C-alpha atoms as a PDB file:
ATOM      1  CA  UNK A   1       0.000   0.000   0.000  1.00  0.00           C
ATOM      2  CA  UNK A   2       2.909   2.359   0.745  1.00  0.00           C
ATOM      3  CA  UNK A   3       4.305   1.780  -2.753  1.00  0.00           C
ATOM      4  CA  UNK A   4       0.917   2.451  -4.326  1.00  0.00           C
ATOM      5  CA  UNK A   5       0.675   5.700  -2.331  1.00  0.00           C
ATOM      6  CA  UNK A   6       4.124   6.804  -3.523  1.00  0.00           C
ATOM      7  CA  UNK A   7       3.173   6.033  -7.131  1.00  0.00           C
ATOM      8  CA  UNK A   8      -0.033   8.046  -6.809  1.00  0.00           C
ATOM      9  CA  UNK A   9       1.806  10.999  -5.235  1.00  0.00           C
ATOM     10  CA  UNK A  10       4.468  10.921  -7.983  1.00  0.00           C
ATOM     11  CA  UNK A  11       1.757  10.615 -10.608  1.00  0.00           C
ATOM     12  CA  UNK A  12      -0.053  13.634  -9.175  1.00  0.00           C
ATOM     13  CA  UNK A  13       3.167  15.651  -9.135  1.00  0.00           C
ATOM     14  CA  UNK A  14       4.225  14.682 -12.669  1.00  0.00           C
ATOM     15  CA  UNK A  15       0.791  14.778 -14.313  1.00  0.00           C
ATOM     16  CA  UNK A  16       0.369  18.601 -14.421  1.00  0.00           C
ATOM     17  CA  UNK A  17       3.810  19.010 -15.996  1.00  0.00           C
ATOM     18  CA  UNK A  18       3.157  16.266 -18.529  1.00  0.00           C
ATOM     19  CA  UNK A  19      -0.213  17.760 -19.464  1.00  0.00           C
ATOM     20  CA  UNK A  20       1.319  21.211 -19.965  1.00  0.00           C
ATOM     21  CA  UNK A  21       4.010  19.825 -22.228  1.00  0.00           C
ATOM     22  CA  UNK A  22       1.367  18.232 -24.463  1.00  0.00           C
ATOM     23  CA  UNK A  23      -0.947  21.235 -24.391  1.00  0.00           C
ATOM     24  CA  UNK A  24      -0.963  22.761 -27.874  1.00  0.00           C
ATOM     25  CA  UNK A  25      -2.780  26.007 -28.431  1.00  0.00           C
ATOM     26  CA  UNK A  26      -3.175  26.295 -32.195  1.00  0.00           C
ATOM     27  CA  UNK A  27      -5.198  29.495 -31.943  1.00  0.00           C
ATOM     28  CA  UNK A  28      -2.188  31.427 -30.632  1.00  0.00           C
ATOM     29  CA  UNK A  29       0.282  31.913 -33.463  1.00  0.00           C
ATOM     30  CA  UNK A  30       2.887  33.735 -31.354  1.00  0.00           C
ATOM     31  CA  UNK A  31       4.685  30.497 -30.475  1.00  0.00           C
ATOM     32  CA  UNK A  32       5.183  29.755 -34.161  1.00  0.00           C
ATOM     33  CA  UNK A  33       6.563  33.248 -34.715  1.00  0.00           C
ATOM     34  CA  UNK A  34       9.064  32.771 -31.899  1.00  0.00           C
ATOM     35  CA  UNK A  35      10.405  29.651 -33.589  1.00  0.00           C
ATOM     36  CA  UNK A  36      10.637  31.520 -36.879  1.00  0.00           C
ATOM     37  CA  UNK A  37      12.513  34.400 -35.265  1.00  0.00           C
ATOM     38  CA  UNK A  38      14.951  32.009 -33.669  1.00  0.00           C
ATOM     39  CA  UNK A  39      15.720  30.421 -37.021  1.00  0.00           C
ATOM     40  CA  UNK A  40      16.179  33.868 -38.599  1.00  0.00           C
ATOM     41  CA  UNK A  41      18.644  35.001 -35.929  1.00  0.00           C
ATOM     42  CA  UNK A  42      21.488  32.885 -37.307  1.00  0.00           C
ATOM     43  CA  UNK A  43      20.775  34.005 -40.852  1.00  0.00           C
ATOM     44  CA  UNK A  44      20.573  37.653 -39.848  1.00  0.00           C
ATOM     45  CA  UNK A  45      23.819  37.381 -37.888  1.00  0.00           C
ATOM     46  CA  UNK A  46      25.531  35.875 -40.949  1.00  0.00           C
ATOM     47  CA  UNK A  47      24.216  38.702 -43.146  1.00  0.00           C
ATOM     48  CA  UNK A  48      25.430  41.316 -40.681  1.00  0.00           C
ATOM     49  CA  UNK A  49      28.885  39.717 -40.539  1.00  0.00           C
ATOM     50  CA  UNK A  50      28.994  39.633 -44.344  1.00  0.00           C
ATOM     51  CA  UNK A  51      27.973  43.305 -44.433  1.00  0.00           C
ATOM     52  CA  UNK A  52      30.773  44.214 -42.020  1.00  0.00           C
ATOM     53  CA  UNK A  53      33.304  42.345 -44.185  1.00  0.00           C
ATOM     54  CA  UNK A  54      32.102  44.023 -47.391  1.00  0.00           C
ATOM     55  CA  UNK A  55      32.199  47.435 -45.713  1.00  0.00           C
ATOM     56  CA  UNK A  56      35.755  46.801 -44.489  1.00  0.00           C
ATOM     57  CA  UNK A  57      36.874  45.691 -47.953  1.00  0.00           C
ATOM     58  CA  UNK A  58      35.270  48.748 -49.558  1.00  0.00           C
ATOM     59  CA  UNK A  59      36.814  51.043 -46.940  1.00  0.00           C
ATOM     60  CA  UNK A  60      40.272  49.575 -47.588  1.00  0.00           C
ATOM     61  CA  UNK A  61      39.910  50.127 -51.341  1.00  0.00           C
ATOM     62  CA  UNK A  62      38.663  53.699 -50.875  1.00  0.00           C
ATOM     63  CA  UNK A  63      41.388  54.484 -48.329  1.00  0.00           C
ATOM     64  CA  UNK A  64      44.187  53.184 -50.620  1.00  0.00           C
ATOM     65  CA  UNK A  65      42.833  55.087 -53.601  1.00  0.00           C
ATOM     66  CA  UNK A  66      42.269  58.378 -51.782  1.00  0.00           C
ATOM     67  CA  UNK A  67      45.699  58.218 -50.121  1.00  0.00           C
ATOM     68  CA  UNK A  68      47.308  57.592 -53.523  1.00  0.00           C
ATOM     69  CA  UNK A  69      45.815  60.937 -54.600  1.00  0.00           C
ATOM     70  CA  UNK A  70      47.181  62.754 -51.528  1.00  0.00           C
ATOM     71  CA  UNK A  71      44.021  62.666 -49.435  1.00  0.00           C
ATOM     72  CA  UNK A  72      42.733  60.652 -46.522  1.00  0.00           C
ATOM     73  CA  UNK A  73      39.651  58.583 -45.708  1.00  0.00           C
ATOM     74  CA  UNK A  74      38.562  57.775 -42.147  1.00  0.00           C
ATOM     75  CA  UNK A  75      35.524  55.813 -40.921  1.00  0.00           C
ATOM     76  CA  UNK A  76      34.357  55.694 -37.317  1.00  0.00           C
ATOM     77  CA  UNK A  77      31.294  53.469 -37.027  1.00  0.00           C
ATOM     78  CA  UNK A  78      28.548  54.958 -39.181  1.00  0.00           C
ATOM     79  CA  UNK A  79      30.300  58.273 -39.821  1.00  0.00           C
ATOM     80  CA  UNK A  80      33.072  58.819 -42.338  1.00  0.00           C
ATOM     81  CA  UNK A  81      35.224  61.741 -43.458  1.00  0.00           C
ATOM     82  CA  UNK A  82      37.239  62.219 -46.610  1.00  0.00           C
ATOM     83  CA  UNK A  83      39.936  64.814 -47.234  1.00  0.00           C
ATOM     84  CA  UNK A  84      40.791  65.689 -50.842  1.00  0.00           C
ATOM     85  CA  UNK A  85      42.426  68.741 -52.368  1.00  0.00           C
ATOM     86  CA  UNK A  86      42.721  70.370 -48.948  1.00  0.00           C
ATOM     87  CA  UNK A  87      39.001  70.087 -48.194  1.00  0.00           C
ATOM     88  CA  UNK A  88      37.384  67.770 -45.652  1.00  0.00           C
ATOM     89  CA  UNK A  89      33.958  66.345 -46.476  1.00  0.00           C
ATOM     90  CA  UNK A  90      31.619  64.541 -44.112  1.00  0.00           C
ATOM     91  CA  UNK A  91      28.546  64.587 -46.351  1.00  0.00           C
ATOM     92  CA  UNK A  92      29.407  62.532 -49.429  1.00  0.00           C
ATOM     93  CA  UNK A  93      28.640  59.334 -51.294  1.00  0.00           C
ATOM     94  CA  UNK A  94      31.132  56.991 -52.871  1.00  0.00           C
ATOM     95  CA  UNK A  95      30.390  54.609 -55.712  1.00  0.00           C
ATOM     96  CA  UNK A  96      32.791  52.047 -57.116  1.00  0.00           C
ATOM     97  CA  UNK A  97      32.102  52.090 -60.838  1.00  0.00           C
ATOM     98  CA  UNK A  98      32.934  48.863 -62.694  1.00  0.00           C
ATOM     99  CA  UNK A  99      35.819  48.296 -60.271  1.00  0.00           C
ATOM    100  CA  UNK A 100      37.850  50.849 -62.254  1.00  0.00           C
ATOM    101  CA  UNK A 101      37.254  54.182 -60.579  1.00  0.00           C
ATOM    102  CA  UNK A 102      35.583  55.865 -57.623  1.00  0.00           C
ATOM    103  CA  UNK A 103      32.828  58.418 -58.080  1.00  0.00           C
ATOM    104  CA  UNK A 104      32.792  60.665 -55.021  1.00  0.00           C
ATOM    105  CA  UNK A 105      29.799  62.994 -54.871  1.00  0.00           C
ATOM    106  CA  UNK A 106      30.110  65.880 -52.426  1.00  0.00           C
ATOM    107  CA  UNK A 107      28.013  68.957 -51.853  1.00  0.00           C
ATOM    108  CA  UNK A 108      30.495  70.961 -53.963  1.00  0.00           C
ATOM    109  CA  UNK A 109      31.078  68.687 -56.951  1.00  0.00           C
ATOM    110  CA  UNK A 110      31.753  65.165 -58.178  1.00  0.00           C
ATOM    111  CA  UNK A 111      35.262  63.707 -58.160  1.00  0.00           C
ATOM    112  CA  UNK A 112      36.514  60.706 -60.142  1.00  0.00           C
ATOM    113  CA  UNK A 113      39.558  58.754 -58.970  1.00  0.00           C
ATOM    114  CA  UNK A 114      41.112  55.753 -60.683  1.00  0.00           C
ATOM    115  CA  UNK A 115      41.090  52.767 -58.315  1.00  0.00           C
ATOM    116  CA  UNK A 116      44.406  51.659 -56.800  1.00  0.00           C
ATOM    117  CA  UNK A 117      44.194  47.872 -56.473  1.00  0.00           C
ATOM    118  CA  UNK A 118      47.366  47.022 -54.577  1.00  0.00           C
ATOM    119  CA  UNK A 119      48.841  48.812 -51.548  1.00  0.00           C
END
């Protein structure tokens, strides 16, 4: 009888946990979204790491090219500054055109520099 009592007590303690683990609420879609977000986290992290690598590679190319023309290029996080022809620009866009030259658009004008491939 003591063994049967212990089994019943264990059964009563384990039963609520077992029932909760098998309780599926299909009307609440938030659990499915959580699983989806978890699977996207690895993919998003990989994309962010790839973006950092591409940005570093582009920065290295721009820095080499600008320094070859007597200027300087500095990036600090999201902000960047370029110095060319004695002027420092913080509001500019840089495009790498066909891997052959840089198109640097500033508020004053547009500059074209031939890309320097090797340091």
